[in-house]
């Protein structure tokens, strides 16, 4: 254990779920930490890799249920570091992509605590890859945009006109509850109802489920599928490539036909 003067915090991205997607540095740090503060989205397989002697502190949040408020998490990081501990803040995906890592390092910097940020594979790239959907493709999309789909007061205040662009892929994080609003607003602002959409539930894990459809059908198909969070929504022409690029890898794993709307890995 480090001395009181040497306490340090590492904000570590755990990736979207598959432990094989951890970076080498992330794996090393969670094996040497004195204390690990971990999110709800960190998979059990990754938690099993934590140093057996480390103190584990669950600070996960769910929709409308923040068991540990963000300001309290920030203070815990400071307090543990001031005890001279090597602290790992283990976050699903990447700490700086909708992970509130920026808020945490602001607090650490103000408190004079040493910290490092270890990037992780964000859900957009991990889930899209495991679902067989390229986020960009020279024939379909030259840009990709990450958007939070989290509803505030049952509304989703986004720059909808900017989101409706040709040859662009949209990726919505935390959008399961807001999916009907997202689809409605995109169509209201000019996106074709026939635009392909994929929703990936529990991406990169053995429980991964992919539901596909179009803007005007995806909400009903998702509701009928009964999938659960965490989810990621991909909107764009690149979704059309899923059947071509992923079906051969899935057909021997007991999934539905390529013409179906739900495929399970």
C-alpha atoms as a PDB file:
ATOM      1  CA  UNK A   1       0.000   0.000   0.000  1.00  0.00           C
ATOM      2  CA  UNK A   2       1.221   3.502  -0.760  1.00  0.00           C
ATOM      3  CA  UNK A   3       1.895   6.089   1.933  1.00  0.00           C
ATOM      4  CA  UNK A   4      -0.566   8.835   2.832  1.00  0.00           C
ATOM      5  CA  UNK A   5       1.384  11.306   0.718  1.00  0.00           C
ATOM      6  CA  UNK A   6       1.203   9.044  -2.329  1.00  0.00           C
ATOM      7  CA  UNK A   7      -2.482   8.313  -2.663  1.00  0.00           C
ATOM      8  CA  UNK A   8      -3.614   8.347  -6.294  1.00  0.00           C
ATOM      9  CA  UNK A   9      -6.846   7.843  -8.208  1.00  0.00           C
ATOM     10  CA  UNK A  10      -7.150   6.040 -11.540  1.00  0.00           C
ATOM     11  CA  UNK A  11     -10.318   6.538 -13.586  1.00  0.00           C
ATOM     12  CA  UNK A  12     -10.429   3.284 -15.508  1.00  0.00           C
ATOM     13  CA  UNK A  13     -12.704   2.437 -18.415  1.00  0.00           C
ATOM     14  CA  UNK A  14     -14.000  -1.119 -18.086  1.00  0.00           C
ATOM     15  CA  UNK A  15     -15.418  -1.246 -21.604  1.00  0.00           C
ATOM     16  CA  UNK A  16     -18.938  -2.404 -22.486  1.00  0.00           C
ATOM     17  CA  UNK A  17     -18.887  -5.773 -20.716  1.00  0.00           C
ATOM     18  CA  UNK A  18     -16.632  -8.390 -22.293  1.00  0.00           C
ATOM     19  CA  UNK A  19     -13.577  -8.731 -20.003  1.00  0.00           C
ATOM     20  CA  UNK A  20     -11.394  -9.482 -23.021  1.00  0.00           C
ATOM     21  CA  UNK A  21     -11.927  -5.864 -24.105  1.00  0.00           C
ATOM     22  CA  UNK A  22     -10.124  -4.459 -21.049  1.00  0.00           C
ATOM     23  CA  UNK A  23      -6.899  -2.659 -21.847  1.00  0.00           C
ATOM     24  CA  UNK A  24      -3.674  -4.119 -20.489  1.00  0.00           C
ATOM     25  CA  UNK A  25      -3.279  -1.088 -18.235  1.00  0.00           C
ATOM     26  CA  UNK A  26      -6.820  -1.426 -16.873  1.00  0.00           C
ATOM     27  CA  UNK A  27      -6.227  -5.085 -16.035  1.00  0.00           C
ATOM     28  CA  UNK A  28      -2.976  -4.249 -14.260  1.00  0.00           C
ATOM     29  CA  UNK A  29      -4.538  -1.477 -12.186  1.00  0.00           C
ATOM     30  CA  UNK A  30      -7.567  -3.409 -10.973  1.00  0.00           C
ATOM     31  CA  UNK A  31      -5.181  -6.147  -9.899  1.00  0.00           C
ATOM     32  CA  UNK A  32      -3.133  -3.798  -7.709  1.00  0.00           C
ATOM     33  CA  UNK A  33      -5.763  -1.403  -6.304  1.00  0.00           C
ATOM     34  CA  UNK A  34      -6.359  -0.925  -2.596  1.00  0.00           C
ATOM     35  CA  UNK A  35      -9.962   0.131  -3.210  1.00  0.00           C
ATOM     36  CA  UNK A  36     -12.230  -0.070  -6.261  1.00  0.00           C
ATOM     37  CA  UNK A  37     -15.335   2.079  -6.692  1.00  0.00           C
ATOM     38  CA  UNK A  38     -17.361   0.468  -9.458  1.00  0.00           C
ATOM     39  CA  UNK A  39     -20.426   1.241 -11.554  1.00  0.00           C
ATOM     40  CA  UNK A  40     -23.595  -0.765 -12.061  1.00  0.00           C
ATOM     41  CA  UNK A  41     -22.582  -1.429 -15.666  1.00  0.00           C
ATOM     42  CA  UNK A  42     -19.295  -3.153 -14.849  1.00  0.00           C
ATOM     43  CA  UNK A  43     -19.819  -6.836 -15.630  1.00  0.00           C
ATOM     44  CA  UNK A  44     -19.441  -9.591 -12.993  1.00  0.00           C
ATOM     45  CA  UNK A  45     -16.666 -11.129 -15.091  1.00  0.00           C
ATOM     46  CA  UNK A  46     -14.635  -7.935 -14.806  1.00  0.00           C
ATOM     47  CA  UNK A  47     -15.358  -7.548 -11.098  1.00  0.00           C
ATOM     48  CA  UNK A  48     -13.959 -11.054 -10.623  1.00  0.00           C
ATOM     49  CA  UNK A  49     -10.577  -9.774 -11.827  1.00  0.00           C
ATOM     50  CA  UNK A  50     -10.239  -7.267  -8.982  1.00  0.00           C
ATOM     51  CA  UNK A  51      -7.465  -7.889  -6.485  1.00  0.00           C
ATOM     52  CA  UNK A  52      -8.952 -10.166  -3.807  1.00  0.00           C
ATOM     53  CA  UNK A  53      -7.597  -7.950  -1.036  1.00  0.00           C
ATOM     54  CA  UNK A  54      -9.116  -4.749  -2.394  1.00  0.00           C
ATOM     55  CA  UNK A  55     -12.041  -3.011  -0.761  1.00  0.00           C
ATOM     56  CA  UNK A  56     -14.998  -2.908  -3.161  1.00  0.00           C
ATOM     57  CA  UNK A  57     -17.460  -0.045  -3.109  1.00  0.00           C
ATOM     58  CA  UNK A  58     -20.554  -0.163  -5.317  1.00  0.00           C
ATOM     59  CA  UNK A  59     -21.509   3.334  -6.444  1.00  0.00           C
ATOM     60  CA  UNK A  60     -23.750   2.383  -9.349  1.00  0.00           C
ATOM     61  CA  UNK A  61     -26.685   4.383 -10.575  1.00  0.00           C
ATOM     62  CA  UNK A  62     -29.862   3.271 -12.297  1.00  0.00           C
ATOM     63  CA  UNK A  63     -32.571   5.368 -13.917  1.00  0.00           C
ATOM     64  CA  UNK A  64     -34.204   7.554 -11.221  1.00  0.00           C
ATOM     65  CA  UNK A  65     -32.220   5.679  -8.553  1.00  0.00           C
ATOM     66  CA  UNK A  66     -28.876   7.233  -7.701  1.00  0.00           C
ATOM     67  CA  UNK A  67     -27.990   5.240  -4.597  1.00  0.00           C
ATOM     68  CA  UNK A  68     -24.789   7.264  -4.260  1.00  0.00           C
ATOM     69  CA  UNK A  69     -25.083  10.834  -5.610  1.00  0.00           C
ATOM     70  CA  UNK A  70     -22.321  12.022  -7.895  1.00  0.00           C
ATOM     71  CA  UNK A  71     -21.012  14.593  -5.438  1.00  0.00           C
ATOM     72  CA  UNK A  72     -20.668  11.842  -2.825  1.00  0.00           C
ATOM     73  CA  UNK A  73     -18.726   9.651  -5.267  1.00  0.00           C
ATOM     74  CA  UNK A  74     -16.396  12.559  -5.978  1.00  0.00           C
ATOM     75  CA  UNK A  75     -15.756  13.027  -2.262  1.00  0.00           C
ATOM     76  CA  UNK A  76     -15.165   9.312  -1.689  1.00  0.00           C
ATOM     77  CA  UNK A  77     -12.376   9.398  -4.266  1.00  0.00           C
ATOM     78  CA  UNK A  78     -10.740  12.280  -2.413  1.00  0.00           C
ATOM     79  CA  UNK A  79     -11.168  10.668   0.994  1.00  0.00           C
ATOM     80  CA  UNK A  80      -9.699   7.308  -0.011  1.00  0.00           C
ATOM     81  CA  UNK A  81      -6.745   8.952  -1.760  1.00  0.00           C
ATOM     82  CA  UNK A  82      -6.031  11.048   1.344  1.00  0.00           C
ATOM     83  CA  UNK A  83      -5.776   7.789   3.268  1.00  0.00           C
ATOM     84  CA  UNK A  84      -2.808   6.949   1.049  1.00  0.00           C
ATOM     85  CA  UNK A  85      -4.646   4.353  -1.004  1.00  0.00           C
ATOM     86  CA  UNK A  86      -4.377   3.439  -4.644  1.00  0.00           C
ATOM     87  CA  UNK A  87      -7.921   4.034  -5.809  1.00  0.00           C
ATOM     88  CA  UNK A  88      -9.490   2.696  -9.003  1.00  0.00           C
ATOM     89  CA  UNK A  89     -12.709   4.284 -10.162  1.00  0.00           C
ATOM     90  CA  UNK A  90     -13.972   1.532 -12.455  1.00  0.00           C
ATOM     91  CA  UNK A  91     -16.481   2.833 -14.980  1.00  0.00           C
ATOM     92  CA  UNK A  92     -18.441   1.050 -17.689  1.00  0.00           C
ATOM     93  CA  UNK A  93     -17.322   1.994 -21.182  1.00  0.00           C
ATOM     94  CA  UNK A  94     -15.021   5.009 -21.304  1.00  0.00           C
ATOM     95  CA  UNK A  95     -14.759   7.503 -18.414  1.00  0.00           C
ATOM     96  CA  UNK A  96     -15.007  10.523 -20.701  1.00  0.00           C
ATOM     97  CA  UNK A  97     -17.954   9.474 -22.881  1.00  0.00           C
ATOM     98  CA  UNK A  98     -21.144  10.035 -20.859  1.00  0.00           C
ATOM     99  CA  UNK A  99     -19.265   8.635 -17.864  1.00  0.00           C
ATOM    100  CA  UNK A 100     -19.041  11.846 -15.786  1.00  0.00           C
ATOM    101  CA  UNK A 101     -15.310  11.360 -15.526  1.00  0.00           C
ATOM    102  CA  UNK A 102     -14.775  15.050 -16.186  1.00  0.00           C
ATOM    103  CA  UNK A 103     -16.704  15.948 -13.040  1.00  0.00           C
ATOM    104  CA  UNK A 104     -14.680  13.523 -10.961  1.00  0.00           C
ATOM    105  CA  UNK A 105     -11.295  14.786 -12.079  1.00  0.00           C
ATOM    106  CA  UNK A 106     -12.423  18.371 -11.494  1.00  0.00           C
ATOM    107  CA  UNK A 107     -12.976  17.476  -7.844  1.00  0.00           C
ATOM    108  CA  UNK A 108      -9.661  15.622  -7.645  1.00  0.00           C
ATOM    109  CA  UNK A 109      -7.765  18.515  -9.219  1.00  0.00           C
ATOM    110  CA  UNK A 110      -9.330  21.018  -6.833  1.00  0.00           C
ATOM    111  CA  UNK A 111      -8.363  18.791  -3.897  1.00  0.00           C
ATOM    112  CA  UNK A 112      -4.790  18.394  -5.130  1.00  0.00           C
ATOM    113  CA  UNK A 113      -5.134  14.626  -5.589  1.00  0.00           C
ATOM    114  CA  UNK A 114      -3.000  12.920  -8.202  1.00  0.00           C
ATOM    115  CA  UNK A 115      -5.012  11.103 -10.862  1.00  0.00           C
ATOM    116  CA  UNK A 116      -4.721   9.335 -14.186  1.00  0.00           C
ATOM    117  CA  UNK A 117      -7.384   8.492 -16.756  1.00  0.00           C
ATOM    118  CA  UNK A 118      -7.290   5.102 -18.482  1.00  0.00           C
ATOM    119  CA  UNK A 119      -9.544   5.103 -21.562  1.00  0.00           C
ATOM    120  CA  UNK A 120     -11.828   2.161 -22.205  1.00  0.00           C
ATOM    121  CA  UNK A 121     -13.644   0.891 -25.271  1.00  0.00           C
ATOM    122  CA  UNK A 122     -16.845   2.892 -25.350  1.00  0.00           C
ATOM    123  CA  UNK A 123     -20.173   1.146 -25.819  1.00  0.00           C
ATOM    124  CA  UNK A 124     -20.653   2.613 -29.290  1.00  0.00           C
ATOM    125  CA  UNK A 125     -17.610   0.928 -30.779  1.00  0.00           C
ATOM    126  CA  UNK A 126     -17.846  -2.274 -28.724  1.00  0.00           C
ATOM    127  CA  UNK A 127     -21.553  -2.945 -29.218  1.00  0.00           C
ATOM    128  CA  UNK A 128     -21.522  -1.956 -32.878  1.00  0.00           C
ATOM    129  CA  UNK A 129     -18.589  -4.271 -33.594  1.00  0.00           C
ATOM    130  CA  UNK A 130     -20.176  -7.220 -31.786  1.00  0.00           C
ATOM    131  CA  UNK A 131     -23.451  -6.587 -33.624  1.00  0.00           C
ATOM    132  CA  UNK A 132     -21.738  -6.533 -37.028  1.00  0.00           C
ATOM    133  CA  UNK A 133     -22.507  -2.860 -37.712  1.00  0.00           C
ATOM    134  CA  UNK A 134     -19.701  -0.547 -38.872  1.00  0.00           C
ATOM    135  CA  UNK A 135     -20.308   2.948 -37.540  1.00  0.00           C
ATOM    136  CA  UNK A 136     -18.749   4.461 -40.650  1.00  0.00           C
ATOM    137  CA  UNK A 137     -18.523   3.121 -44.206  1.00  0.00           C
ATOM    138  CA  UNK A 138     -17.416   5.005 -47.296  1.00  0.00           C
ATOM    139  CA  UNK A 139     -20.664   4.162 -49.087  1.00  0.00           C
ATOM    140  CA  UNK A 140     -23.040   4.931 -46.224  1.00  0.00           C
ATOM    141  CA  UNK A 141     -21.651   7.245 -43.533  1.00  0.00           C
ATOM    142  CA  UNK A 142     -18.688   9.587 -43.281  1.00  0.00           C
ATOM    143  CA  UNK A 143     -19.411  10.757 -39.747  1.00  0.00           C
ATOM    144  CA  UNK A 144     -20.742   9.381 -36.494  1.00  0.00           C
ATOM    145  CA  UNK A 145     -22.332  11.291 -33.649  1.00  0.00           C
ATOM    146  CA  UNK A 146     -22.673  10.160 -30.032  1.00  0.00           C
ATOM    147  CA  UNK A 147     -25.801  11.459 -28.291  1.00  0.00           C
ATOM    148  CA  UNK A 148     -27.311  10.935 -24.852  1.00  0.00           C
ATOM    149  CA  UNK A 149     -30.881   9.685 -25.099  1.00  0.00           C
ATOM    150  CA  UNK A 150     -31.586  10.125 -21.394  1.00  0.00           C
ATOM    151  CA  UNK A 151     -34.953  11.766 -20.813  1.00  0.00           C
ATOM    152  CA  UNK A 152     -35.200  14.804 -18.557  1.00  0.00           C
ATOM    153  CA  UNK A 153     -38.765  15.368 -17.303  1.00  0.00           C
ATOM    154  CA  UNK A 154     -40.079  13.000 -20.002  1.00  0.00           C
ATOM    155  CA  UNK A 155     -38.589  15.151 -22.763  1.00  0.00           C
ATOM    156  CA  UNK A 156     -35.464  14.820 -24.865  1.00  0.00           C
ATOM    157  CA  UNK A 157     -34.107  18.286 -25.615  1.00  0.00           C
ATOM    158  CA  UNK A 158     -31.684  17.705 -28.481  1.00  0.00           C
ATOM    159  CA  UNK A 159     -30.665  19.676 -31.602  1.00  0.00           C
ATOM    160  CA  UNK A 160     -32.859  17.543 -33.822  1.00  0.00           C
ATOM    161  CA  UNK A 161     -32.230  19.513 -37.023  1.00  0.00           C
ATOM    162  CA  UNK A 162     -28.478  18.947 -36.618  1.00  0.00           C
ATOM    163  CA  UNK A 163     -29.002  15.242 -36.076  1.00  0.00           C
ATOM    164  CA  UNK A 164     -30.899  14.768 -39.329  1.00  0.00           C
ATOM    165  CA  UNK A 165     -28.021  14.760 -41.811  1.00  0.00           C
ATOM    166  CA  UNK A 166     -27.177  12.644 -44.812  1.00  0.00           C
ATOM    167  CA  UNK A 167     -24.449  10.021 -44.511  1.00  0.00           C
ATOM    168  CA  UNK A 168     -24.240  10.274 -40.739  1.00  0.00           C
ATOM    169  CA  UNK A 169     -24.596   7.560 -38.107  1.00  0.00           C
ATOM    170  CA  UNK A 170     -26.280   8.431 -34.818  1.00  0.00           C
ATOM    171  CA  UNK A 171     -25.535   6.495 -31.649  1.00  0.00           C
ATOM    172  CA  UNK A 172     -27.817   7.083 -28.663  1.00  0.00           C
ATOM    173  CA  UNK A 173     -26.621   6.095 -25.223  1.00  0.00           C
ATOM    174  CA  UNK A 174     -29.187   5.451 -22.450  1.00  0.00           C
ATOM    175  CA  UNK A 175     -32.053   5.690 -24.906  1.00  0.00           C
ATOM    176  CA  UNK A 176     -34.266   2.681 -24.146  1.00  0.00           C
ATOM    177  CA  UNK A 177     -36.993   4.594 -22.299  1.00  0.00           C
ATOM    178  CA  UNK A 178     -36.744   7.542 -24.664  1.00  0.00           C
ATOM    179  CA  UNK A 179     -36.776   5.475 -27.878  1.00  0.00           C
ATOM    180  CA  UNK A 180     -40.348   6.422 -28.908  1.00  0.00           C
ATOM    181  CA  UNK A 181     -39.516  10.111 -28.414  1.00  0.00           C
ATOM    182  CA  UNK A 182     -36.236   9.797 -30.306  1.00  0.00           C
ATOM    183  CA  UNK A 183     -37.896   8.068 -33.268  1.00  0.00           C
ATOM    184  CA  UNK A 184     -40.802  10.526 -33.314  1.00  0.00           C
ATOM    185  CA  UNK A 185     -38.582  13.612 -33.206  1.00  0.00           C
ATOM    186  CA  UNK A 186     -36.166  12.380 -35.868  1.00  0.00           C
ATOM    187  CA  UNK A 187     -39.078  11.727 -38.242  1.00  0.00           C
ATOM    188  CA  UNK A 188     -40.699  15.060 -37.339  1.00  0.00           C
ATOM    189  CA  UNK A 189     -37.485  16.838 -38.300  1.00  0.00           C
ATOM    190  CA  UNK A 190     -37.148  15.178 -41.676  1.00  0.00           C
ATOM    191  CA  UNK A 191     -35.538  11.777 -41.257  1.00  0.00           C
ATOM    192  CA  UNK A 192     -37.176   9.091 -43.384  1.00  0.00           C
ATOM    193  CA  UNK A 193     -39.446   6.668 -41.495  1.00  0.00           C
ATOM    194  CA  UNK A 194     -37.657   3.880 -43.385  1.00  0.00           C
ATOM    195  CA  UNK A 195     -34.249   4.758 -41.869  1.00  0.00           C
ATOM    196  CA  UNK A 196     -32.731   1.551 -40.420  1.00  0.00           C
ATOM    197  CA  UNK A 197     -32.313   1.329 -36.652  1.00  0.00           C
ATOM    198  CA  UNK A 198     -30.692  -1.237 -34.374  1.00  0.00           C
ATOM    199  CA  UNK A 199     -30.986  -1.495 -30.616  1.00  0.00           C
ATOM    200  CA  UNK A 200     -28.279  -3.523 -28.881  1.00  0.00           C
ATOM    201  CA  UNK A 201     -29.077  -4.801 -25.397  1.00  0.00           C
ATOM    202  CA  UNK A 202     -26.275  -5.938 -23.082  1.00  0.00           C
ATOM    203  CA  UNK A 203     -23.797  -5.633 -25.906  1.00  0.00           C
ATOM    204  CA  UNK A 204     -20.549  -7.672 -26.000  1.00  0.00           C
ATOM    205  CA  UNK A 205     -21.835 -10.034 -23.289  1.00  0.00           C
ATOM    206  CA  UNK A 206     -23.272 -13.557 -23.675  1.00  0.00           C
ATOM    207  CA  UNK A 207     -26.718 -11.975 -23.121  1.00  0.00           C
ATOM    208  CA  UNK A 208     -26.417  -9.637 -26.102  1.00  0.00           C
ATOM    209  CA  UNK A 209     -29.637  -9.144 -28.066  1.00  0.00           C
ATOM    210  CA  UNK A 210     -29.983  -7.033 -31.203  1.00  0.00           C
ATOM    211  CA  UNK A 211     -33.374  -5.740 -32.326  1.00  0.00           C
ATOM    212  CA  UNK A 212     -33.553  -4.180 -35.777  1.00  0.00           C
ATOM    213  CA  UNK A 213     -36.218  -2.217 -37.581  1.00  0.00           C
ATOM    214  CA  UNK A 214     -36.874   1.223 -39.008  1.00  0.00           C
ATOM    215  CA  UNK A 215     -37.713   4.505 -37.334  1.00  0.00           C
ATOM    216  CA  UNK A 216     -41.418   3.884 -37.697  1.00  0.00           C
ATOM    217  CA  UNK A 217     -41.277   0.287 -36.435  1.00  0.00           C
ATOM    218  CA  UNK A 218     -38.418   0.037 -33.946  1.00  0.00           C
ATOM    219  CA  UNK A 219     -40.339   1.115 -30.838  1.00  0.00           C
ATOM    220  CA  UNK A 220     -42.945  -1.600 -31.260  1.00  0.00           C
ATOM    221  CA  UNK A 221     -40.357  -4.251 -32.016  1.00  0.00           C
ATOM    222  CA  UNK A 222     -38.271  -3.331 -28.977  1.00  0.00           C
ATOM    223  CA  UNK A 223     -41.325  -3.397 -26.734  1.00  0.00           C
ATOM    224  CA  UNK A 224     -42.306  -6.811 -28.060  1.00  0.00           C
ATOM    225  CA  UNK A 225     -38.791  -8.182 -27.574  1.00  0.00           C
ATOM    226  CA  UNK A 226     -38.739  -7.464 -23.835  1.00  0.00           C
ATOM    227  CA  UNK A 227     -35.066  -6.444 -23.845  1.00  0.00           C
ATOM    228  CA  UNK A 228     -33.544  -4.694 -20.868  1.00  0.00           C
ATOM    229  CA  UNK A 229     -30.958  -1.994 -20.229  1.00  0.00           C
ATOM    230  CA  UNK A 230     -28.162  -1.319 -20.765  1.00  0.00           C
ATOM    231  CA  UNK A 231     -28.900  -0.596 -24.396  1.00  0.00           C
ATOM    232  CA  UNK A 232     -27.400   1.312 -27.281  1.00  0.00           C
ATOM    233  CA  UNK A 233     -29.335   2.619 -30.294  1.00  0.00           C
ATOM    234  CA  UNK A 234     -27.738   2.945 -33.728  1.00  0.00           C
ATOM    235  CA  UNK A 235     -29.541   4.946 -36.412  1.00  0.00           C
ATOM    236  CA  UNK A 236     -28.289   5.102 -39.980  1.00  0.00           C
ATOM    237  CA  UNK A 237     -27.835   3.384 -43.296  1.00  0.00           C
ATOM    238  CA  UNK A 238     -24.909   1.387 -41.873  1.00  0.00           C
ATOM    239  CA  UNK A 239     -27.431  -0.785 -40.032  1.00  0.00           C
ATOM    240  CA  UNK A 240     -28.342  -2.296 -43.416  1.00  0.00           C
ATOM    241  CA  UNK A 241     -24.921  -3.958 -43.425  1.00  0.00           C
ATOM    242  CA  UNK A 242     -25.668  -6.063 -40.347  1.00  0.00           C
ATOM    243  CA  UNK A 243     -27.224  -8.929 -42.251  1.00  0.00           C
ATOM    244  CA  UNK A 244     -24.345  -9.085 -44.711  1.00  0.00           C
ATOM    245  CA  UNK A 245     -21.501  -8.705 -42.225  1.00  0.00           C
ATOM    246  CA  UNK A 246     -22.761 -10.534 -39.164  1.00  0.00           C
ATOM    247  CA  UNK A 247     -25.102 -13.296 -40.256  1.00  0.00           C
ATOM    248  CA  UNK A 248     -22.421 -15.798 -41.236  1.00  0.00           C
ATOM    249  CA  UNK A 249     -20.909 -15.435 -37.769  1.00  0.00           C
ATOM    250  CA  UNK A 250     -24.250 -15.946 -36.037  1.00  0.00           C
ATOM    251  CA  UNK A 251     -26.061 -18.639 -37.943  1.00  0.00           C
ATOM    252  CA  UNK A 252     -24.413 -21.518 -36.101  1.00  0.00           C
ATOM    253  CA  UNK A 253     -25.270 -20.114 -32.684  1.00  0.00           C
ATOM    254  CA  UNK A 254     -28.985 -20.882 -32.584  1.00  0.00           C
ATOM    255  CA  UNK A 255     -30.263 -17.450 -33.538  1.00  0.00           C
ATOM    256  CA  UNK A 256     -33.266 -16.397 -35.551  1.00  0.00           C
ATOM    257  CA  UNK A 257     -33.180 -16.184 -39.327  1.00  0.00           C
ATOM    258  CA  UNK A 258     -31.506 -13.161 -40.966  1.00  0.00           C
ATOM    259  CA  UNK A 259     -34.943 -11.919 -41.999  1.00  0.00           C
ATOM    260  CA  UNK A 260     -36.069 -11.740 -38.381  1.00  0.00           C
ATOM    261  CA  UNK A 261     -35.919  -8.677 -36.202  1.00  0.00           C
ATOM    262  CA  UNK A 262     -34.240 -10.170 -33.143  1.00  0.00           C
ATOM    263  CA  UNK A 263     -30.838 -11.845 -33.181  1.00  0.00           C
ATOM    264  CA  UNK A 264     -29.172 -13.198 -30.077  1.00  0.00           C
ATOM    265  CA  UNK A 265     -25.472 -13.817 -29.809  1.00  0.00           C
END
